[in-house]
Amino acid sequence: MTKAVTQFSLGQTVATPGVLAVLDESKQSATEFLKRHSCGDWGELGAEDRKRNDDALIHGDRLLSAYEARNGSKIWIITEADRSATTLLLPEEY
């Protein structure tokens, strides 16, 4: 098994109350989603958004990943362009 390599800094990591409730309900950890995000696994994004993230790694723009929790809820992770902060949130909390 190949170990995933972190591609960027997450900065300060924060989560909204909504996403914390989803993680609790689905019995999942924020860490599993943050690991995927920081290794360039953008989750459930389309080709255009994936390319935008790949370009953002080079040019220092904002990064967005979208995942589905076990309970079917959508989770977004956004890392700011300056890599100072990463936020886990629900799409409706954006």
PDB file of N, CA and C in Angstrom:
ATOM      1  N   MET A   1       0.836  -1.178   0.000  1.00  0.00           N
ATOM      2  CA  MET A   1       0.000   0.000   0.000  1.00  0.00           C
ATOM      3  C   MET A   1       0.879   1.239   0.000  1.00  0.00           C
ATOM      4  N   THR A   2       0.599   2.191  -0.895  1.00  0.00           N
ATOM      5  CA  THR A   2       1.356   3.417  -0.993  1.00  0.00           C
ATOM      6  C   THR A   2       0.843   4.424   0.015  1.00  0.00           C
ATOM      7  N   LYS A   3       1.780   5.068   0.696  1.00  0.00           N
ATOM      8  CA  LYS A   3       1.395   6.073   1.672  1.00  0.00           C
ATOM      9  C   LYS A   3       1.122   7.385   0.944  1.00  0.00           C
ATOM     10  N   ALA A   4      -0.021   8.010   1.245  1.00  0.00           N
ATOM     11  CA  ALA A   4      -0.379   9.286   0.636  1.00  0.00           C
ATOM     12  C   ALA A   4       0.536  10.379   1.177  1.00  0.00           C
ATOM     13  N   VAL A   5       0.892  11.315   0.315  1.00  0.00           N
ATOM     14  CA  VAL A   5       1.798  12.399   0.676  1.00  0.00           C
ATOM     15  C   VAL A   5       1.022  13.704   0.771  1.00  0.00           C
ATOM     16  N   THR A   6       1.192  14.393   1.883  1.00  0.00           N
ATOM     17  CA  THR A   6       0.554  15.693   2.068  1.00  0.00           C
ATOM     18  C   THR A   6       1.130  16.666   1.057  1.00  0.00           C
ATOM     19  N   GLN A   7       0.247  17.397   0.365  1.00  0.00           N
ATOM     20  CA  GLN A   7       0.688  18.304  -0.692  1.00  0.00           C
ATOM     21  C   GLN A   7       0.699  19.768  -0.277  1.00  0.00           C
ATOM     22  N   PHE A   8       0.088  20.099   0.867  1.00  0.00           N
ATOM     23  CA  PHE A   8       0.036  21.488   1.306  1.00  0.00           C
ATOM     24  C   PHE A   8      -0.298  21.529   2.791  1.00  0.00           C
ATOM     25  N   SER A   9      -0.043  22.688   3.399  1.00  0.00           N
ATOM     26  CA  SER A   9      -0.348  22.901   4.807  1.00  0.00           C
ATOM     27  C   SER A   9      -1.821  23.228   4.979  1.00  0.00           C
ATOM     28  N   LEU A  10      -2.417  22.721   6.033  1.00  0.00           N
ATOM     29  CA  LEU A  10      -3.814  23.013   6.336  1.00  0.00           C
ATOM     30  C   LEU A  10      -3.975  24.288   7.156  1.00  0.00           C
ATOM     31  N   GLY A  11      -2.914  24.747   7.797  1.00  0.00           N
ATOM     32  CA  GLY A  11      -3.030  25.896   8.691  1.00  0.00           C
ATOM     33  C   GLY A  11      -3.889  25.532   9.893  1.00  0.00           C
ATOM     34  N   GLN A  12      -4.548  26.530  10.473  1.00  0.00           N
ATOM     35  CA  GLN A  12      -5.459  26.274  11.600  1.00  0.00           C
ATOM     36  C   GLN A  12      -6.693  25.567  11.050  1.00  0.00           C
ATOM     37  N   THR A  13      -7.087  24.479  11.690  1.00  0.00           N
ATOM     38  CA  THR A  13      -8.236  23.702  11.232  1.00  0.00           C
ATOM     39  C   THR A  13      -9.423  23.971  12.148  1.00  0.00           C
ATOM     40  N   VAL A  14     -10.555  24.323  11.526  1.00  0.00           N
ATOM     41  CA  VAL A  14     -11.777  24.584  12.276  1.00  0.00           C
ATOM     42  C   VAL A  14     -12.936  23.838  11.620  1.00  0.00           C
ATOM     43  N   ALA A  15     -13.976  23.601  12.404  1.00  0.00           N
ATOM     44  CA  ALA A  15     -15.165  22.900  11.905  1.00  0.00           C
ATOM     45  C   ALA A  15     -16.407  23.585  12.449  1.00  0.00           C
ATOM     46  N   THR A  16     -17.428  23.640  11.613  1.00  0.00           N
ATOM     47  CA  THR A  16     -18.687  24.243  12.034  1.00  0.00           C
ATOM     48  C   THR A  16     -19.468  23.261  12.915  1.00  0.00           C
ATOM     49  N   PRO A  17     -20.398  23.768  13.719  1.00  0.00           N
ATOM     50  CA  PRO A  17     -21.240  22.870  14.526  1.00  0.00           C
ATOM     51  C   PRO A  17     -22.005  21.867  13.654  1.00  0.00           C
ATOM     52  N   GLY A  18     -22.436  22.299  12.485  1.00  0.00           N
ATOM     53  CA  GLY A  18     -23.182  21.394  11.598  1.00  0.00           C
ATOM     54  C   GLY A  18     -22.363  20.206  11.156  1.00  0.00           C
ATOM     55  N   VAL A  19     -21.136  20.441  10.753  1.00  0.00           N
ATOM     56  CA  VAL A  19     -20.298  19.331  10.304  1.00  0.00           C
ATOM     57  C   VAL A  19     -19.902  18.442  11.481  1.00  0.00           C
ATOM     58  N   LEU A  20     -19.707  19.032  12.656  1.00  0.00           N
ATOM     59  CA  LEU A  20     -19.395  18.213  13.837  1.00  0.00           C
ATOM     60  C   LEU A  20     -20.551  17.271  14.163  1.00  0.00           C
ATOM     61  N   ALA A  21     -21.783  17.758  14.000  1.00  0.00           N
ATOM     62  CA  ALA A  21     -22.958  16.911  14.245  1.00  0.00           C
ATOM     63  C   ALA A  21     -23.024  15.777  13.221  1.00  0.00           C
ATOM     64  N   VAL A  22     -22.729  16.065  11.966  1.00  0.00           N
ATOM     65  CA  VAL A  22     -22.735  15.031  10.922  1.00  0.00           C
ATOM     66  C   VAL A  22     -21.666  13.986  11.212  1.00  0.00           C
ATOM     67  N   LEU A  23     -20.473  14.420  11.584  1.00  0.00           N
ATOM     68  CA  LEU A  23     -19.394  13.479  11.889  1.00  0.00           C
ATOM     69  C   LEU A  23     -19.769  12.589  13.068  1.00  0.00           C
ATOM     70  N   ASP A  24     -20.388  13.173  14.079  1.00  0.00           N
ATOM     71  CA  ASP A  24     -20.820  12.403  15.248  1.00  0.00           C
ATOM     72  C   ASP A  24     -21.885  11.380  14.839  1.00  0.00           C
ATOM     73  N   GLU A  25     -22.866  11.818  14.084  1.00  0.00           N
ATOM     74  CA  GLU A  25     -23.946  10.931  13.654  1.00  0.00           C
ATOM     75  C   GLU A  25     -23.441   9.796  12.758  1.00  0.00           C
ATOM     76  N   SER A  26     -22.481  10.102  11.895  1.00  0.00           N
ATOM     77  CA  SER A  26     -21.979   9.085  10.962  1.00  0.00           C
ATOM     78  C   SER A  26     -20.828   8.271  11.556  1.00  0.00           C
ATOM     79  N   LYS A  27     -20.451   8.592  12.793  1.00  0.00           N
ATOM     80  CA  LYS A  27     -19.351   7.882  13.487  1.00  0.00           C
ATOM     81  C   LYS A  27     -18.050   7.957  12.671  1.00  0.00           C
ATOM     82  N   GLN A  28     -17.761   9.167  12.179  1.00  0.00           N
ATOM     83  CA  GLN A  28     -16.543   9.382  11.410  1.00  0.00           C
ATOM     84  C   GLN A  28     -15.730  10.506  12.045  1.00  0.00           C
ATOM     85  N   SER A  29     -14.463  10.531  11.702  1.00  0.00           N
ATOM     86  CA  SER A  29     -13.549  11.524  12.229  1.00  0.00           C
ATOM     87  C   SER A  29     -13.232  12.572  11.172  1.00  0.00           C
ATOM     88  N   ALA A  30     -13.075  13.806  11.601  1.00  0.00           N
ATOM     89  CA  ALA A  30     -12.638  14.858  10.681  1.00  0.00           C
ATOM     90  C   ALA A  30     -11.291  14.507  10.069  1.00  0.00           C
ATOM     91  N   THR A  31     -10.461  13.803  10.811  1.00  0.00           N
ATOM     92  CA  THR A  31      -9.117  13.458  10.358  1.00  0.00           C
ATOM     93  C   THR A  31      -9.130  12.669   9.058  1.00  0.00           C
ATOM     94  N   GLU A  32     -10.063  11.725   8.907  1.00  0.00           N
ATOM     95  CA  GLU A  32     -10.077  10.925   7.681  1.00  0.00           C
ATOM     96  C   GLU A  32     -10.334  11.801   6.459  1.00  0.00           C
ATOM     97  N   PHE A  33     -11.186  12.820   6.592  1.00  0.00           N
ATOM     98  CA  PHE A  33     -11.465  13.722   5.473  1.00  0.00           C
ATOM     99  C   PHE A  33     -10.313  14.708   5.260  1.00  0.00           C
ATOM    100  N   LEU A  34      -9.735  15.182   6.343  1.00  0.00           N
ATOM    101  CA  LEU A  34      -8.601  16.112   6.228  1.00  0.00           C
ATOM    102  C   LEU A  34      -7.396  15.453   5.578  1.00  0.00           C
ATOM    103  N   LYS A  35      -7.154  14.185   5.888  1.00  0.00           N
ATOM    104  CA  LYS A  35      -6.041  13.460   5.256  1.00  0.00           C
ATOM    105  C   LYS A  35      -6.253  13.369   3.755  1.00  0.00           C
ATOM    106  N   ARG A  36      -7.456  13.021   3.346  1.00  0.00           N
ATOM    107  CA  ARG A  36      -7.757  12.930   1.915  1.00  0.00           C
ATOM    108  C   ARG A  36      -7.556  14.285   1.244  1.00  0.00           C
ATOM    109  N   HIS A  37      -8.094  15.312   1.849  1.00  0.00           N
ATOM    110  CA  HIS A  37      -7.997  16.669   1.305  1.00  0.00           C
ATOM    111  C   HIS A  37      -6.540  17.096   1.152  1.00  0.00           C
ATOM    112  N   SER A  38      -5.750  16.921   2.196  1.00  0.00           N
ATOM    113  CA  SER A  38      -4.356  17.396   2.182  1.00  0.00           C
ATOM    114  C   SER A  38      -3.464  16.600   1.240  1.00  0.00           C
ATOM    115  N   CYS A  39      -3.935  15.439   0.816  1.00  0.00           N
ATOM    116  CA  CYS A  39      -3.162  14.610  -0.125  1.00  0.00           C
ATOM    117  C   CYS A  39      -3.644  14.773  -1.569  1.00  0.00           C
ATOM    118  N   GLY A  40      -4.574  15.699  -1.795  1.00  0.00           N
ATOM    119  CA  GLY A  40      -5.030  15.961  -3.150  1.00  0.00           C
ATOM    120  C   GLY A  40      -6.143  15.059  -3.634  1.00  0.00           C
ATOM    121  N   ASP A  41      -6.785  14.343  -2.724  1.00  0.00           N
ATOM    122  CA  ASP A  41      -7.984  13.564  -3.071  1.00  0.00           C
ATOM    123  C   ASP A  41      -9.151  14.525  -2.846  1.00  0.00           C
ATOM    124  N   TRP A  42      -9.660  15.085  -3.934  1.00  0.00           N
ATOM    125  CA  TRP A  42     -10.660  16.144  -3.848  1.00  0.00           C
ATOM    126  C   TRP A  42     -12.075  15.610  -3.653  1.00  0.00           C
ATOM    127  N   GLY A  43     -12.222  14.301  -3.548  1.00  0.00           N
ATOM    128  CA  GLY A  43     -13.526  13.724  -3.265  1.00  0.00           C
ATOM    129  C   GLY A  43     -14.467  13.768  -4.449  1.00  0.00           C
ATOM    130  N   GLU A  44     -15.669  14.268  -4.212  1.00  0.00           N
ATOM    131  CA  GLU A  44     -16.776  14.199  -5.166  1.00  0.00           C
ATOM    132  C   GLU A  44     -16.879  15.453  -6.039  1.00  0.00           C
ATOM    133  N   LEU A  45     -15.748  15.932  -6.556  1.00  0.00           N
ATOM    134  CA  LEU A  45     -15.760  17.101  -7.429  1.00  0.00           C
ATOM    135  C   LEU A  45     -15.747  16.670  -8.889  1.00  0.00           C
ATOM    136  N   GLY A  46     -16.292  17.519  -9.738  1.00  0.00           N
ATOM    137  CA  GLY A  46     -16.248  17.282 -11.175  1.00  0.00           C
ATOM    138  C   GLY A  46     -14.868  17.608 -11.731  1.00  0.00           C
ATOM    139  N   ALA A  47     -14.667  17.290 -12.995  1.00  0.00           N
ATOM    140  CA  ALA A  47     -13.356  17.458 -13.639  1.00  0.00           C
ATOM    141  C   ALA A  47     -12.877  18.915 -13.606  1.00  0.00           C
ATOM    142  N   GLU A  48     -13.779  19.863 -13.843  1.00  0.00           N
ATOM    143  CA  GLU A  48     -13.389  21.273 -13.866  1.00  0.00           C
ATOM    144  C   GLU A  48     -12.903  21.736 -12.495  1.00  0.00           C
ATOM    145  N   ASP A  49     -13.623  21.359 -11.439  1.00  0.00           N
ATOM    146  CA  ASP A  49     -13.209  21.741 -10.083  1.00  0.00           C
ATOM    147  C   ASP A  49     -11.926  21.031  -9.663  1.00  0.00           C
ATOM    148  N   ARG A  50     -11.735  19.794 -10.086  1.00  0.00           N
ATOM    149  CA  ARG A  50     -10.484  19.081  -9.793  1.00  0.00           C
ATOM    150  C   ARG A  50      -9.304  19.808 -10.429  1.00  0.00           C
ATOM    151  N   LYS A  51      -9.477  20.228 -11.692  1.00  0.00           N
ATOM    152  CA  LYS A  51      -8.413  20.954 -12.393  1.00  0.00           C
ATOM    153  C   LYS A  51      -8.134  22.275 -11.694  1.00  0.00           C
ATOM    154  N   ARG A  52      -9.203  22.956 -11.259  1.00  0.00           N
ATOM    155  CA  ARG A  52      -9.032  24.218 -10.540  1.00  0.00           C
ATOM    156  C   ARG A  52      -8.189  24.007  -9.278  1.00  0.00           C
ATOM    157  N   ASN A  53      -8.438  22.920  -8.554  1.00  0.00           N
ATOM    158  CA  ASN A  53      -7.639  22.618  -7.359  1.00  0.00           C
ATOM    159  C   ASN A  53      -6.198  22.288  -7.725  1.00  0.00           C
ATOM    160  N   ASP A  54      -6.012  21.492  -8.772  1.00  0.00           N
ATOM    161  CA  ASP A  54      -4.651  21.146  -9.191  1.00  0.00           C
ATOM    162  C   ASP A  54      -3.870  22.408  -9.567  1.00  0.00           C
ATOM    163  N   ASP A  55      -4.525  23.325 -10.254  1.00  0.00           N
ATOM    164  CA  ASP A  55      -3.891  24.606 -10.589  1.00  0.00           C
ATOM    165  C   ASP A  55      -3.628  25.431  -9.334  1.00  0.00           C
ATOM    166  N   ALA A  56      -4.553  25.379  -8.375  1.00  0.00           N
ATOM    167  CA  ALA A  56      -4.402  26.139  -7.130  1.00  0.00           C
ATOM    168  C   ALA A  56      -3.190  25.671  -6.321  1.00  0.00           C
ATOM    169  N   LEU A  57      -2.845  24.403  -6.435  1.00  0.00           N
ATOM    170  CA  LEU A  57      -1.642  23.908  -5.755  1.00  0.00           C
ATOM    171  C   LEU A  57      -0.394  24.598  -6.294  1.00  0.00           C
ATOM    172  N   ILE A  58      -0.402  24.912  -7.570  1.00  0.00           N
ATOM    173  CA  ILE A  58       0.742  25.561  -8.208  1.00  0.00           C
ATOM    174  C   ILE A  58       0.731  27.064  -7.959  1.00  0.00           C
ATOM    175  N   HIS A  59      -0.446  27.673  -8.063  1.00  0.00           N
ATOM    176  CA  HIS A  59      -0.553  29.132  -8.029  1.00  0.00           C
ATOM    177  C   HIS A  59      -0.946  29.702  -6.674  1.00  0.00           C
ATOM    178  N   GLY A  60      -1.230  28.854  -5.702  1.00  0.00           N
ATOM    179  CA  GLY A  60      -1.539  29.324  -4.358  1.00  0.00           C
ATOM    180  C   GLY A  60      -2.940  29.874  -4.177  1.00  0.00           C
ATOM    181  N   ASP A  61      -3.908  29.290  -4.855  1.00  0.00           N
ATOM    182  CA  ASP A  61      -5.295  29.720  -4.701  1.00  0.00           C
ATOM    183  C   ASP A  61      -6.015  28.829  -3.687  1.00  0.00           C
ATOM    184  N   ARG A  62      -7.268  29.174  -3.405  1.00  0.00           N
ATOM    185  CA  ARG A  62      -8.097  28.428  -2.453  1.00  0.00           C
ATOM    186  C   ARG A  62      -8.370  27.018  -2.971  1.00  0.00           C
ATOM    187  N   LEU A  63      -8.464  26.072  -2.052  1.00  0.00           N
ATOM    188  CA  LEU A  63      -8.721  24.661  -2.378  1.00  0.00           C
ATOM    189  C   LEU A  63     -10.056  24.233  -1.783  1.00  0.00           C
ATOM    190  N   LEU A  64     -10.824  23.467  -2.553  1.00  0.00           N
ATOM    191  CA  LEU A  64     -12.109  22.963  -2.101  1.00  0.00           C
ATOM    192  C   LEU A  64     -12.191  21.472  -2.368  1.00  0.00           C
ATOM    193  N   SER A  65     -12.616  20.713  -1.370  1.00  0.00           N
ATOM    194  CA  SER A  65     -12.924  19.294  -1.538  1.00  0.00           C
ATOM    195  C   SER A  65     -14.352  19.059  -1.079  1.00  0.00           C
ATOM    196  N   ALA A  66     -14.975  18.036  -1.637  1.00  0.00           N
ATOM    197  CA  ALA A  66     -16.351  17.681  -1.275  1.00  0.00           C
ATOM    198  C   ALA A  66     -16.416  16.174  -1.065  1.00  0.00           C
ATOM    199  N   TYR A  67     -16.968  15.770   0.068  1.00  0.00           N
ATOM    200  CA  TYR A  67     -17.054  14.358   0.411  1.00  0.00           C
ATOM    201  C   TYR A  67     -18.467  14.014   0.859  1.00  0.00           C
ATOM    202  N   GLU A  68     -18.761  12.736   0.892  1.00  0.00           N
ATOM    203  CA  GLU A  68     -20.041  12.278   1.415  1.00  0.00           C
ATOM    204  C   GLU A  68     -19.780  11.442   2.655  1.00  0.00           C
ATOM    205  N   ALA A  69     -20.422  11.837   3.751  1.00  0.00           N
ATOM    206  CA  ALA A  69     -20.318  11.074   4.993  1.00  0.00           C
ATOM    207  C   ALA A  69     -21.153   9.797   4.872  1.00  0.00           C
ATOM    208  N   ARG A  70     -20.918   8.868   5.768  1.00  0.00           N
ATOM    209  CA  ARG A  70     -21.664   7.595   5.747  1.00  0.00           C
ATOM    210  C   ARG A  70     -23.173   7.785   5.829  1.00  0.00           C
ATOM    211  N   ASN A  71     -23.606   8.864   6.464  1.00  0.00           N
ATOM    212  CA  ASN A  71     -25.049   9.100   6.609  1.00  0.00           C
ATOM    213  C   ASN A  71     -25.637   9.824   5.393  1.00  0.00           C
ATOM    214  N   GLY A  72     -24.828  10.040   4.356  1.00  0.00           N
ATOM    215  CA  GLY A  72     -25.292  10.675   3.129  1.00  0.00           C
ATOM    216  C   GLY A  72     -25.136  12.183   3.087  1.00  0.00           C
ATOM    217  N   SER A  73     -24.735  12.791   4.185  1.00  0.00           N
ATOM    218  CA  SER A  73     -24.537  14.239   4.219  1.00  0.00           C
ATOM    219  C   SER A  73     -23.286  14.628   3.440  1.00  0.00           C
ATOM    220  N   LYS A  74     -23.349  15.790   2.815  1.00  0.00           N
ATOM    221  CA  LYS A  74     -22.194  16.339   2.100  1.00  0.00           C
ATOM    222  C   LYS A  74     -21.345  17.143   3.065  1.00  0.00           C
ATOM    223  N   ILE A  75     -20.031  16.996   2.917  1.00  0.00           N
ATOM    224  CA  ILE A  75     -19.064  17.744   3.719  1.00  0.00           C
ATOM    225  C   ILE A  75     -18.128  18.463   2.758  1.00  0.00           C
ATOM    226  N   TRP A  76     -17.951  19.747   2.977  1.00  0.00           N
ATOM    227  CA  TRP A  76     -16.976  20.514   2.209  1.00  0.00           C
ATOM    228  C   TRP A  76     -15.782  20.814   3.101  1.00  0.00           C
ATOM    229  N   ILE A  77     -14.610  20.863   2.482  1.00  0.00           N
ATOM    230  CA  ILE A  77     -13.402  21.327   3.157  1.00  0.00           C
ATOM    231  C   ILE A  77     -12.792  22.406   2.274  1.00  0.00           C
ATOM    232  N   ILE A  78     -12.544  23.557   2.878  1.00  0.00           N
ATOM    233  CA  ILE A  78     -11.963  24.685   2.156  1.00  0.00           C
ATOM    234  C   ILE A  78     -10.671  25.097   2.854  1.00  0.00           C
ATOM    235  N   THR A  79      -9.583  25.137   2.090  1.00  0.00           N
ATOM    236  CA  THR A  79      -8.311  25.660   2.588  1.00  0.00           C
ATOM    237  C   THR A  79      -8.083  27.007   1.915  1.00  0.00           C
ATOM    238  N   GLU A  80      -7.820  28.021   2.719  1.00  0.00           N
ATOM    239  CA  GLU A  80      -7.629  29.375   2.207  1.00  0.00           C
ATOM    240  C   GLU A  80      -6.385  29.451   1.318  1.00  0.00           C
ATOM    241  N   ALA A  81      -6.384  30.426   0.431  1.00  0.00           N
ATOM    242  CA  ALA A  81      -5.301  30.588  -0.537  1.00  0.00           C
ATOM    243  C   ALA A  81      -3.937  30.721   0.133  1.00  0.00           C
ATOM    244  N   ASP A  82      -3.883  31.410   1.280  1.00  0.00           N
ATOM    245  CA  ASP A  82      -2.596  31.591   1.969  1.00  0.00           C
ATOM    246  C   ASP A  82      -2.246  30.417   2.880  1.00  0.00           C
ATOM    247  N   ARG A  83      -3.096  29.385   2.864  1.00  0.00           N
ATOM    248  CA  ARG A  83      -2.910  28.152   3.646  1.00  0.00           C
ATOM    249  C   ARG A  83      -2.884  28.411   5.146  1.00  0.00           C
ATOM    250  N   SER A  84      -3.492  29.515   5.582  1.00  0.00           N
ATOM    251  CA  SER A  84      -3.522  29.849   7.009  1.00  0.00           C
ATOM    252  C   SER A  84      -4.611  29.104   7.757  1.00  0.00           C
ATOM    253  N   ALA A  85      -5.654  28.648   7.040  1.00  0.00           N
ATOM    254  CA  ALA A  85      -6.777  28.003   7.712  1.00  0.00           C
ATOM    255  C   ALA A  85      -7.499  27.045   6.768  1.00  0.00           C
ATOM    256  N   THR A  86      -8.053  26.005   7.377  1.00  0.00           N
ATOM    257  CA  THR A  86      -8.880  25.034   6.665  1.00  0.00           C
ATOM    258  C   THR A  86     -10.160  24.871   7.468  1.00  0.00           C
ATOM    259  N   THR A  87     -11.290  24.934   6.763  1.00  0.00           N
ATOM    260  CA  THR A  87     -12.599  24.855   7.410  1.00  0.00           C
ATOM    261  C   THR A  87     -13.376  23.659   6.893  1.00  0.00           C
ATOM    262  N   LEU A  88     -13.910  22.870   7.800  1.00  0.00           N
ATOM    263  CA  LEU A  88     -14.859  21.803   7.455  1.00  0.00           C
ATOM    264  C   LEU A  88     -16.245  22.359   7.693  1.00  0.00           C
ATOM    265  N   LEU A  89     -17.120  22.232   6.704  1.00  0.00           N
ATOM    266  CA  LEU A  89     -18.462  22.779   6.815  1.00  0.00           C
ATOM    267  C   LEU A  89     -19.427  22.014   5.934  1.00  0.00           C
ATOM    268  N   LEU A  90     -20.705  22.259   6.149  1.00  0.00           N
ATOM    269  CA  LEU A  90     -21.738  21.709   5.279  1.00  0.00           C
ATOM    270  C   LEU A  90     -21.982  22.723   4.172  1.00  0.00           C
ATOM    271  N   PRO A  91     -22.348  22.277   2.962  1.00  0.00           N
ATOM    272  CA  PRO A  91     -22.576  23.226   1.863  1.00  0.00           C
ATOM    273  C   PRO A  91     -23.558  24.330   2.230  1.00  0.00           C
ATOM    274  N   GLU A  92     -24.604  24.003   2.979  1.00  0.00           N
ATOM    275  CA  GLU A  92     -25.585  25.021   3.347  1.00  0.00           C
ATOM    276  C   GLU A  92     -25.061  26.031   4.362  1.00  0.00           C
ATOM    277  N   GLU A  93     -23.886  25.767   4.931  1.00  0.00           N
ATOM    278  CA  GLU A  93     -23.279  26.701   5.879  1.00  0.00           C
ATOM    279  C   GLU A  93     -22.319  27.676   5.190  1.00  0.00           C
ATOM    280  N   TYR A  94     -22.135  27.517   3.893  1.00  0.00           N
ATOM    281  CA  TYR A  94     -21.200  28.367   3.152  1.00  0.00           C
ATOM    282  C   TYR A  94     -21.728  29.766   3.001  1.00  0.00           C
TER     283      TYR A  94
END
